[in-house]
Amino acid sequence: MRMDYVLQEKVYETLTDVKAKDIGVAFSGGVDSALLAKACKDIGKNIKLLTIGFSSQKDIQNSIQCSKEMNISLHHNTISLQELENSLGTVLSRINYKRIVQLENSMGFYHVFKLASTHKVFNVLSANGIDELFCGYHKYRSQYKKNKEAIPALMKTLTETAKKDKKEIDKLSSLYGIKYTCPFLSNSFVNFALTVPLRFKIKDEKDTLRKHIVRETALRMGVPKLVAYKSKKAFQYSSGIHKAIMKLAQKKGFTKMKAKNAGYRGKIEAYIKVIAQDLIET
């Protein structure tokens, strides 16, 4: 049987384990969340797509177009700098983060959950796990060049990191009484994905597209071609959250030189550390 058929059936099987009928899908308009949304629709779930943007309309515009083509309803919201700043303390006080990217993603999901709650959606799914298991990240290219035989070990490491990050995000979903699920991080799906031959995921160190079997499967399922073959762009960049936090840091007077002199790697890290320290002191 063709691998795209096998993957499609495994996706359907995995989603049948999600018992909730009414769900929200954290939606970026990219191939992973589009595949997840389309699969949920195919197996008969009632879906609301949830898209947020931070001082940027890019993800929202892409999501609106994709949702129309897939005929799935969408809720969206653009988060202002003030809203982002107000929520930063809440997120920092509840999660243990080790990487700025982890914090940025957590901030994004906090606002997805807030949007879901507004529309009375209390089961939210995301497609986290696909990038880890199907070579979505650029680091897989460099690993391929250095030693492609080590890629499966890298997949396992990144998947375990994603599972740990999910536990922190759970702390944010609980604030709104929402159950947050990552079906592609389930043990069954992870074990399956690790058996998929590498050639279906990445071709070589020059492969800037990657996730080939995911894209082929999404296209077969009815995801728009422009979405299925859109290049990967990390959530914190496509949503504008990274840029928005950078603006907040600059607004508070943090510069690259000031951050460096204080022993930080950049102004975002300096800004976040100061806020975290203020929380401790208060």
C-alpha atoms as a PDB file:
ATOM      1  CA  MET A   1       0.000   0.000   0.000  1.00  0.00           C
ATOM      2  CA  ARG A   2       1.215   3.517  -0.801  1.00  0.00           C
ATOM      3  CA  MET A   3       2.690   5.369   2.152  1.00  0.00           C
ATOM      4  CA  ASP A   4       0.309   8.330   1.820  1.00  0.00           C
ATOM      5  CA  TYR A   5      -2.653   5.955   2.213  1.00  0.00           C
ATOM      6  CA  VAL A   6      -1.013   4.364   5.244  1.00  0.00           C
ATOM      7  CA  LEU A   7      -0.378   7.760   6.854  1.00  0.00           C
ATOM      8  CA  GLN A   8      -3.931   8.923   6.149  1.00  0.00           C
ATOM      9  CA  GLU A   9      -5.420   5.852   7.797  1.00  0.00           C
ATOM     10  CA  LYS A  10      -3.122   6.253  10.796  1.00  0.00           C
ATOM     11  CA  VAL A  11      -4.176   9.890  11.176  1.00  0.00           C
ATOM     12  CA  TYR A  12      -7.854   8.885  11.122  1.00  0.00           C
ATOM     13  CA  GLU A  13      -7.201   6.069  13.591  1.00  0.00           C
ATOM     14  CA  THR A  14      -5.345   8.423  15.928  1.00  0.00           C
ATOM     15  CA  LEU A  15      -8.115  11.012  15.860  1.00  0.00           C
ATOM     16  CA  THR A  16     -10.812   8.459  16.673  1.00  0.00           C
ATOM     17  CA  ASP A  17      -9.122   8.206  20.076  1.00  0.00           C
ATOM     18  CA  VAL A  18     -10.164  11.825  20.691  1.00  0.00           C
ATOM     19  CA  LYS A  19     -13.616  11.242  22.162  1.00  0.00           C
ATOM     20  CA  ALA A  20     -14.894  14.821  22.079  1.00  0.00           C
ATOM     21  CA  LYS A  21     -17.257  15.537  19.195  1.00  0.00           C
ATOM     22  CA  ASP A  22     -17.007  19.327  19.340  1.00  0.00           C
ATOM     23  CA  ILE A  23     -13.427  20.535  19.030  1.00  0.00           C
ATOM     24  CA  GLY A  24     -11.272  23.495  18.176  1.00  0.00           C
ATOM     25  CA  VAL A  25      -8.100  23.223  16.121  1.00  0.00           C
ATOM     26  CA  ALA A  26      -5.209  25.608  16.719  1.00  0.00           C
ATOM     27  CA  PHE A  27      -4.865  26.733  13.133  1.00  0.00           C
ATOM     28  CA  SER A  28      -2.037  28.548  11.357  1.00  0.00           C
ATOM     29  CA  GLY A  29      -3.067  27.921   7.757  1.00  0.00           C
ATOM     30  CA  GLY A  30      -0.036  25.639   7.316  1.00  0.00           C
ATOM     31  CA  VAL A  31       0.011  22.039   6.139  1.00  0.00           C
ATOM     32  CA  ASP A  32       0.094  20.379   9.581  1.00  0.00           C
ATOM     33  CA  SER A  33      -2.902  22.143  11.118  1.00  0.00           C
ATOM     34  CA  ALA A  34      -4.781  21.952   7.800  1.00  0.00           C
ATOM     35  CA  LEU A  35      -4.253  18.178   7.625  1.00  0.00           C
ATOM     36  CA  LEU A  36      -5.438  17.859  11.227  1.00  0.00           C
ATOM     37  CA  ALA A  37      -8.526  19.976  10.581  1.00  0.00           C
ATOM     38  CA  LYS A  38      -9.457  18.156   7.378  1.00  0.00           C
ATOM     39  CA  ALA A  39      -9.027  14.760   9.031  1.00  0.00           C
ATOM     40  CA  CYS A  40     -11.256  15.804  11.935  1.00  0.00           C
ATOM     41  CA  LYS A  41     -13.896  16.934   9.475  1.00  0.00           C
ATOM     42  CA  ASP A  42     -13.606  13.681   7.508  1.00  0.00           C
ATOM     43  CA  ILE A  43     -14.314  11.529  10.564  1.00  0.00           C
ATOM     44  CA  GLY A  44     -17.364  13.602  11.507  1.00  0.00           C
ATOM     45  CA  LYS A  45     -16.226  15.953  14.255  1.00  0.00           C
ATOM     46  CA  ASN A  46     -17.690  19.428  14.658  1.00  0.00           C
ATOM     47  CA  ILE A  47     -14.755  21.791  14.171  1.00  0.00           C
ATOM     48  CA  LYS A  48     -13.952  25.403  14.865  1.00  0.00           C
ATOM     49  CA  LEU A  49     -10.602  26.644  13.593  1.00  0.00           C
ATOM     50  CA  LEU A  50      -8.794  29.020  15.959  1.00  0.00           C
ATOM     51  CA  THR A  51      -6.254  31.492  14.613  1.00  0.00           C
ATOM     52  CA  ILE A  52      -4.452  34.293  16.434  1.00  0.00           C
ATOM     53  CA  GLY A  53      -2.003  36.914  15.226  1.00  0.00           C
ATOM     54  CA  PHE A  54       0.238  39.347  17.085  1.00  0.00           C
ATOM     55  CA  SER A  55       0.452  42.727  15.377  1.00  0.00           C
ATOM     56  CA  SER A  56       0.364  40.713  12.164  1.00  0.00           C
ATOM     57  CA  GLN A  57      -2.445  39.616   9.874  1.00  0.00           C
ATOM     58  CA  LYS A  58      -0.411  37.086   7.887  1.00  0.00           C
ATOM     59  CA  ASP A  59      -1.479  33.909   9.679  1.00  0.00           C
ATOM     60  CA  ILE A  60      -5.018  35.197   9.896  1.00  0.00           C
ATOM     61  CA  GLN A  61      -5.268  36.005   6.186  1.00  0.00           C
ATOM     62  CA  ASN A  62      -3.817  32.620   5.237  1.00  0.00           C
ATOM     63  CA  SER A  63      -6.140  30.848   7.644  1.00  0.00           C
ATOM     64  CA  ILE A  64      -9.260  32.630   6.396  1.00  0.00           C
ATOM     65  CA  GLN A  65      -8.482  31.640   2.817  1.00  0.00           C
ATOM     66  CA  CYS A  66      -7.687  28.035   3.723  1.00  0.00           C
ATOM     67  CA  SER A  67     -10.768  27.667   5.928  1.00  0.00           C
ATOM     68  CA  LYS A  68     -12.993  28.870   3.094  1.00  0.00           C
ATOM     69  CA  GLU A  69     -11.488  26.365   0.667  1.00  0.00           C
ATOM     70  CA  MET A  70     -11.949  23.521   3.152  1.00  0.00           C
ATOM     71  CA  ASN A  71     -15.419  24.796   4.171  1.00  0.00           C
ATOM     72  CA  ILE A  72     -14.620  24.826   7.896  1.00  0.00           C
ATOM     73  CA  SER A  73     -15.659  27.703  10.180  1.00  0.00           C
ATOM     74  CA  LEU A  74     -12.941  29.901  11.651  1.00  0.00           C
ATOM     75  CA  HIS A  75     -12.622  32.181  14.674  1.00  0.00           C
ATOM     76  CA  HIS A  76      -9.698  34.606  14.698  1.00  0.00           C
ATOM     77  CA  ASN A  77      -8.300  37.466  16.715  1.00  0.00           C
ATOM     78  CA  THR A  78      -5.413  39.905  16.407  1.00  0.00           C
ATOM     79  CA  ILE A  79      -3.668  40.486  19.744  1.00  0.00           C
ATOM     80  CA  SER A  80      -2.521  44.028  20.492  1.00  0.00           C
ATOM     81  CA  LEU A  81       0.825  44.824  22.107  1.00  0.00           C
ATOM     82  CA  GLN A  82      -1.011  45.874  25.265  1.00  0.00           C
ATOM     83  CA  GLU A  83      -2.918  42.587  25.433  1.00  0.00           C
ATOM     84  CA  LEU A  84       0.317  40.690  24.889  1.00  0.00           C
ATOM     85  CA  GLU A  85       2.072  42.607  27.648  1.00  0.00           C
ATOM     86  CA  ASN A  86      -0.838  42.065  30.041  1.00  0.00           C
ATOM     87  CA  SER A  87      -0.806  38.308  29.431  1.00  0.00           C
ATOM     88  CA  LEU A  88       2.960  37.881  29.671  1.00  0.00           C
ATOM     89  CA  GLY A  89       2.994  38.001  33.451  1.00  0.00           C
ATOM     90  CA  THR A  90       0.191  35.447  33.641  1.00  0.00           C
ATOM     91  CA  VAL A  91       2.064  32.985  31.435  1.00  0.00           C
ATOM     92  CA  LEU A  92       5.413  33.517  33.183  1.00  0.00           C
ATOM     93  CA  SER A  93       3.828  32.931  36.582  1.00  0.00           C
ATOM     94  CA  ARG A  94       2.433  29.563  35.533  1.00  0.00           C
ATOM     95  CA  ILE A  95       4.912  27.777  33.302  1.00  0.00           C
ATOM     96  CA  ASN A  96       8.503  26.685  33.681  1.00  0.00           C
ATOM     97  CA  TYR A  97      10.234  27.605  30.456  1.00  0.00           C
ATOM     98  CA  LYS A  98      13.803  26.866  29.398  1.00  0.00           C
ATOM     99  CA  ARG A  99      13.865  28.375  25.911  1.00  0.00           C
ATOM    100  CA  ILE A 100      12.578  31.654  24.535  1.00  0.00           C
ATOM    101  CA  VAL A 101      10.901  29.808  21.657  1.00  0.00           C
ATOM    102  CA  GLN A 102       9.064  27.654  24.209  1.00  0.00           C
ATOM    103  CA  LEU A 103       7.805  30.768  25.964  1.00  0.00           C
ATOM    104  CA  GLU A 104       6.731  32.358  22.676  1.00  0.00           C
ATOM    105  CA  ASN A 105       4.796  29.231  21.688  1.00  0.00           C
ATOM    106  CA  SER A 106       3.197  29.101  25.129  1.00  0.00           C
ATOM    107  CA  MET A 107       2.122  32.720  24.771  1.00  0.00           C
ATOM    108  CA  GLY A 108       0.539  31.856  21.448  1.00  0.00           C
ATOM    109  CA  PHE A 109      -1.406  28.936  22.871  1.00  0.00           C
ATOM    110  CA  TYR A 110      -2.532  30.999  25.859  1.00  0.00           C
ATOM    111  CA  HIS A 111      -4.304  33.336  23.439  1.00  0.00           C
ATOM    112  CA  VAL A 112      -5.645  30.420  21.383  1.00  0.00           C
ATOM    113  CA  PHE A 113      -7.238  29.052  24.573  1.00  0.00           C
ATOM    114  CA  LYS A 114      -8.604  32.485  25.441  1.00  0.00           C
ATOM    115  CA  LEU A 115     -10.171  32.716  21.973  1.00  0.00           C
ATOM    116  CA  ALA A 116     -11.560  29.185  22.289  1.00  0.00           C
ATOM    117  CA  SER A 117     -13.126  29.991  25.657  1.00  0.00           C
ATOM    118  CA  THR A 118     -14.793  33.089  24.216  1.00  0.00           C
ATOM    119  CA  HIS A 119     -16.526  30.866  21.661  1.00  0.00           C
ATOM    120  CA  LYS A 120     -17.308  28.099  24.195  1.00  0.00           C
ATOM    121  CA  VAL A 121     -14.868  25.618  22.695  1.00  0.00           C
ATOM    122  CA  PHE A 122     -13.451  23.467  25.488  1.00  0.00           C
ATOM    123  CA  ASN A 123     -11.488  20.805  23.594  1.00  0.00           C
ATOM    124  CA  VAL A 124      -8.563  22.146  21.570  1.00  0.00           C
ATOM    125  CA  LEU A 125      -6.268  20.094  19.351  1.00  0.00           C
ATOM    126  CA  SER A 126      -2.975  21.049  17.772  1.00  0.00           C
ATOM    127  CA  ALA A 127      -0.767  19.375  15.171  1.00  0.00           C
ATOM    128  CA  ASN A 128       2.348  19.551  17.341  1.00  0.00           C
ATOM    129  CA  GLY A 129       4.522  16.510  16.700  1.00  0.00           C
ATOM    130  CA  ILE A 130       4.453  16.508  12.902  1.00  0.00           C
ATOM    131  CA  ASP A 131       7.532  18.725  12.552  1.00  0.00           C
ATOM    132  CA  GLU A 132       9.425  16.616  15.062  1.00  0.00           C
ATOM    133  CA  LEU A 133       8.514  13.284  13.472  1.00  0.00           C
ATOM    134  CA  PHE A 134       8.624  14.183   9.761  1.00  0.00           C
ATOM    135  CA  CYS A 135      11.733  16.396   9.567  1.00  0.00           C
ATOM    136  CA  GLY A 136       9.907  19.718   9.536  1.00  0.00           C
ATOM    137  CA  TYR A 137      12.707  21.693  11.140  1.00  0.00           C
ATOM    138  CA  HIS A 138      15.735  23.102   9.346  1.00  0.00           C
ATOM    139  CA  LYS A 139      18.035  21.375  11.847  1.00  0.00           C
ATOM    140  CA  TYR A 140      17.224  18.084  10.114  1.00  0.00           C
ATOM    141  CA  ARG A 141      19.063  19.347   7.047  1.00  0.00           C
ATOM    142  CA  SER A 142      22.262  19.999   8.976  1.00  0.00           C
ATOM    143  CA  GLN A 143      21.912  16.654  10.739  1.00  0.00           C
ATOM    144  CA  TYR A 144      21.496  14.936   7.370  1.00  0.00           C
ATOM    145  CA  LYS A 145      24.720  16.537   6.190  1.00  0.00           C
ATOM    146  CA  LYS A 146      26.656  15.584   9.330  1.00  0.00           C
ATOM    147  CA  ASN A 147      25.260  12.090   9.825  1.00  0.00           C
ATOM    148  CA  LYS A 148      21.851  11.101   8.511  1.00  0.00           C
ATOM    149  CA  GLU A 149      21.982   7.864  10.503  1.00  0.00           C
ATOM    150  CA  ALA A 150      21.565   9.959  13.651  1.00  0.00           C
ATOM    151  CA  ILE A 151      18.299  11.540  12.492  1.00  0.00           C
ATOM    152  CA  PRO A 152      16.028   8.961  14.228  1.00  0.00           C
ATOM    153  CA  ALA A 153      17.722   9.767  17.534  1.00  0.00           C
ATOM    154  CA  LEU A 154      17.173  13.480  16.885  1.00  0.00           C
ATOM    155  CA  MET A 155      13.499  12.780  16.163  1.00  0.00           C
ATOM    156  CA  LYS A 156      13.114  11.013  19.497  1.00  0.00           C
ATOM    157  CA  THR A 157      14.850  13.838  21.359  1.00  0.00           C
ATOM    158  CA  LEU A 158      12.740  16.565  19.757  1.00  0.00           C
ATOM    159  CA  THR A 159       9.561  14.558  20.303  1.00  0.00           C
ATOM    160  CA  GLU A 160      10.320  14.158  24.005  1.00  0.00           C
ATOM    161  CA  THR A 161      10.961  17.899  24.222  1.00  0.00           C
ATOM    162  CA  ALA A 162       7.606  18.565  22.549  1.00  0.00           C
ATOM    163  CA  LYS A 163       5.880  16.301  25.077  1.00  0.00           C
ATOM    164  CA  LYS A 164       7.480  18.181  27.961  1.00  0.00           C
ATOM    165  CA  ASP A 165       6.477  21.515  26.435  1.00  0.00           C
ATOM    166  CA  LYS A 166       2.922  20.223  26.105  1.00  0.00           C
ATOM    167  CA  LYS A 167       2.761  19.610  29.863  1.00  0.00           C
ATOM    168  CA  GLU A 168       3.597  23.268  30.451  1.00  0.00           C
ATOM    169  CA  ILE A 169       0.979  24.414  27.938  1.00  0.00           C
ATOM    170  CA  ASP A 170      -1.562  22.246  29.785  1.00  0.00           C
ATOM    171  CA  LYS A 171      -1.153  24.628  32.730  1.00  0.00           C
ATOM    172  CA  LEU A 172      -2.421  27.440  30.505  1.00  0.00           C
ATOM    173  CA  SER A 173      -5.337  25.520  29.001  1.00  0.00           C
ATOM    174  CA  SER A 174      -6.529  24.684  32.525  1.00  0.00           C
ATOM    175  CA  LEU A 175      -6.983  28.409  33.217  1.00  0.00           C
ATOM    176  CA  TYR A 176      -9.920  28.319  30.794  1.00  0.00           C
ATOM    177  CA  GLY A 177     -11.178  24.838  31.617  1.00  0.00           C
ATOM    178  CA  ILE A 178      -9.945  23.559  28.269  1.00  0.00           C
ATOM    179  CA  LYS A 179      -8.609  20.105  27.500  1.00  0.00           C
ATOM    180  CA  TYR A 180      -5.592  20.478  25.213  1.00  0.00           C
ATOM    181  CA  THR A 181      -4.663  17.463  23.075  1.00  0.00           C
ATOM    182  CA  CYS A 182      -1.764  16.770  20.718  1.00  0.00           C
ATOM    183  CA  PRO A 183      -2.860  13.580  18.922  1.00  0.00           C
ATOM    184  CA  PHE A 184       0.365  13.381  16.914  1.00  0.00           C
ATOM    185  CA  LEU A 185       2.351  13.136  20.155  1.00  0.00           C
ATOM    186  CA  SER A 186       0.415  10.053  21.278  1.00  0.00           C
ATOM    187  CA  ASN A 187       2.567   6.978  21.834  1.00  0.00           C
ATOM    188  CA  SER A 188       0.791   5.070  19.086  1.00  0.00           C
ATOM    189  CA  PHE A 189       1.313   7.772  16.456  1.00  0.00           C
ATOM    190  CA  VAL A 190       4.912   8.442  17.514  1.00  0.00           C
ATOM    191  CA  ASN A 191       5.787   4.750  17.301  1.00  0.00           C
ATOM    192  CA  PHE A 192       4.217   4.574  13.843  1.00  0.00           C
ATOM    193  CA  ALA A 193       5.930   7.735  12.570  1.00  0.00           C
ATOM    194  CA  LEU A 194       9.350   6.494  13.663  1.00  0.00           C
ATOM    195  CA  THR A 195       8.924   3.486  11.346  1.00  0.00           C
ATOM    196  CA  VAL A 196       8.250   5.631   8.263  1.00  0.00           C
ATOM    197  CA  PRO A 197      11.396   5.486   6.072  1.00  0.00           C
ATOM    198  CA  LEU A 198      13.480   8.648   6.072  1.00  0.00           C
ATOM    199  CA  ARG A 199      13.180   9.083   2.289  1.00  0.00           C
ATOM    200  CA  PHE A 200       9.514   9.978   2.742  1.00  0.00           C
ATOM    201  CA  LYS A 201      10.455  12.816   5.083  1.00  0.00           C
ATOM    202  CA  ILE A 202      13.641  14.428   3.792  1.00  0.00           C
ATOM    203  CA  LYS A 203      15.651  13.909   0.602  1.00  0.00           C
ATOM    204  CA  ASP A 204      19.035  15.408   1.450  1.00  0.00           C
ATOM    205  CA  GLU A 205      20.740  18.320   3.194  1.00  0.00           C
ATOM    206  CA  LYS A 206      19.481  20.726   0.488  1.00  0.00           C
ATOM    207  CA  ASP A 207      15.841  19.805   1.009  1.00  0.00           C
ATOM    208  CA  THR A 208      14.161  23.055   2.090  1.00  0.00           C
ATOM    209  CA  LEU A 209      10.609  21.685   1.816  1.00  0.00           C
ATOM    210  CA  ARG A 210      10.728  18.374   3.740  1.00  0.00           C
ATOM    211  CA  LYS A 211       7.726  16.530   5.278  1.00  0.00           C
ATOM    212  CA  HIS A 212       7.009  15.148   1.789  1.00  0.00           C
ATOM    213  CA  ILE A 213       4.711  12.323   2.831  1.00  0.00           C
ATOM    214  CA  VAL A 214       2.714  14.684   5.048  1.00  0.00           C
ATOM    215  CA  ARG A 215       2.247  17.088   2.136  1.00  0.00           C
ATOM    216  CA  GLU A 216       1.229  14.335  -0.283  1.00  0.00           C
ATOM    217  CA  THR A 217      -1.250  12.944   2.239  1.00  0.00           C
ATOM    218  CA  ALA A 218      -2.715  16.387   2.961  1.00  0.00           C
ATOM    219  CA  LEU A 219      -3.182  17.020  -0.764  1.00  0.00           C
ATOM    220  CA  ARG A 220      -4.924  13.660  -1.205  1.00  0.00           C
ATOM    221  CA  MET A 221      -7.270  14.520   1.649  1.00  0.00           C
ATOM    222  CA  GLY A 222      -8.346  17.786   0.056  1.00  0.00           C
ATOM    223  CA  VAL A 223      -6.057  20.366   1.663  1.00  0.00           C
ATOM    224  CA  PRO A 224      -5.476  23.202  -0.871  1.00  0.00           C
ATOM    225  CA  LYS A 225      -2.285  22.691  -2.871  1.00  0.00           C
ATOM    226  CA  LEU A 226      -0.830  26.090  -1.939  1.00  0.00           C
ATOM    227  CA  VAL A 227      -1.195  25.149   1.719  1.00  0.00           C
ATOM    228  CA  ALA A 228       0.039  21.572   1.319  1.00  0.00           C
ATOM    229  CA  TYR A 229       3.267  22.737  -0.288  1.00  0.00           C
ATOM    230  CA  LYS A 230       3.832  25.947   1.663  1.00  0.00           C
ATOM    231  CA  SER A 231       7.308  26.132   3.214  1.00  0.00           C
ATOM    232  CA  LYS A 232       7.618  25.765   6.958  1.00  0.00           C
ATOM    233  CA  LYS A 233       7.649  28.969   8.968  1.00  0.00           C
ATOM    234  CA  ALA A 234       7.793  28.711  12.727  1.00  0.00           C
ATOM    235  CA  PHE A 235       4.646  29.752  14.596  1.00  0.00           C
ATOM    236  CA  GLN A 236       6.405  32.481  16.555  1.00  0.00           C
ATOM    237  CA  TYR A 237       7.373  34.168  13.284  1.00  0.00           C
ATOM    238  CA  SER A 238       4.287  33.595  11.136  1.00  0.00           C
ATOM    239  CA  SER A 239       1.955  34.739  13.923  1.00  0.00           C
ATOM    240  CA  GLY A 240       4.104  37.784  14.631  1.00  0.00           C
ATOM    241  CA  ILE A 241       4.590  36.960  18.323  1.00  0.00           C
ATOM    242  CA  HIS A 242       8.392  37.084  18.166  1.00  0.00           C
ATOM    243  CA  LYS A 243       8.299  40.491  16.499  1.00  0.00           C
ATOM    244  CA  ALA A 244       5.662  41.720  18.940  1.00  0.00           C
ATOM    245  CA  ILE A 245       7.708  40.749  22.007  1.00  0.00           C
ATOM    246  CA  MET A 246      10.724  42.400  20.389  1.00  0.00           C
ATOM    247  CA  LYS A 247       8.687  45.607  20.083  1.00  0.00           C
ATOM    248  CA  LEU A 248       7.685  45.408  23.740  1.00  0.00           C
ATOM    249  CA  ALA A 249      11.316  44.978  24.763  1.00  0.00           C
ATOM    250  CA  GLN A 250      12.345  48.006  22.713  1.00  0.00           C
ATOM    251  CA  LYS A 251       9.431  50.011  24.106  1.00  0.00           C
ATOM    252  CA  LYS A 252      10.714  49.310  27.623  1.00  0.00           C
ATOM    253  CA  GLY A 253      14.175  50.569  26.685  1.00  0.00           C
ATOM    254  CA  PHE A 254      15.979  47.282  26.128  1.00  0.00           C
ATOM    255  CA  THR A 255      18.642  47.415  23.429  1.00  0.00           C
ATOM    256  CA  LYS A 256      21.015  44.764  22.130  1.00  0.00           C
ATOM    257  CA  MET A 257      23.954  46.485  23.817  1.00  0.00           C
ATOM    258  CA  LYS A 258      22.106  46.928  27.115  1.00  0.00           C
ATOM    259  CA  ALA A 259      21.133  43.257  27.106  1.00  0.00           C
ATOM    260  CA  LYS A 260      24.683  42.152  26.309  1.00  0.00           C
ATOM    261  CA  ASN A 261      26.154  44.306  29.062  1.00  0.00           C
ATOM    262  CA  ALA A 262      23.696  42.735  31.509  1.00  0.00           C
ATOM    263  CA  GLY A 263      24.830  39.251  30.476  1.00  0.00           C
ATOM    264  CA  TYR A 264      21.896  38.320  28.263  1.00  0.00           C
ATOM    265  CA  ARG A 265      22.013  36.964  24.714  1.00  0.00           C
ATOM    266  CA  GLY A 266      19.445  39.421  23.384  1.00  0.00           C
ATOM    267  CA  LYS A 267      16.909  42.073  24.297  1.00  0.00           C
ATOM    268  CA  ILE A 268      13.980  39.657  24.399  1.00  0.00           C
ATOM    269  CA  GLU A 269      15.748  37.474  26.953  1.00  0.00           C
ATOM    270  CA  ALA A 270      16.676  40.542  29.018  1.00  0.00           C
ATOM    271  CA  TYR A 271      13.112  41.866  28.904  1.00  0.00           C
ATOM    272  CA  ILE A 272      11.581  38.517  29.891  1.00  0.00           C
ATOM    273  CA  LYS A 273      14.054  37.957  32.732  1.00  0.00           C
ATOM    274  CA  VAL A 274      13.298  41.375  34.207  1.00  0.00           C
ATOM    275  CA  ILE A 275       9.548  40.696  34.132  1.00  0.00           C
ATOM    276  CA  ALA A 276      10.080  37.281  35.710  1.00  0.00           C
ATOM    277  CA  GLN A 277      12.182  38.828  38.468  1.00  0.00           C
ATOM    278  CA  ASP A 278       9.522  41.459  39.137  1.00  0.00           C
ATOM    279  CA  LEU A 279       6.971  38.666  39.542  1.00  0.00           C
ATOM    280  CA  ILE A 280       9.197  36.972  42.110  1.00  0.00           C
ATOM    281  CA  GLU A 281       9.700  40.173  44.061  1.00  0.00           C
ATOM    282  CA  THR A 282       6.001  40.999  44.141  1.00  0.00           C
END
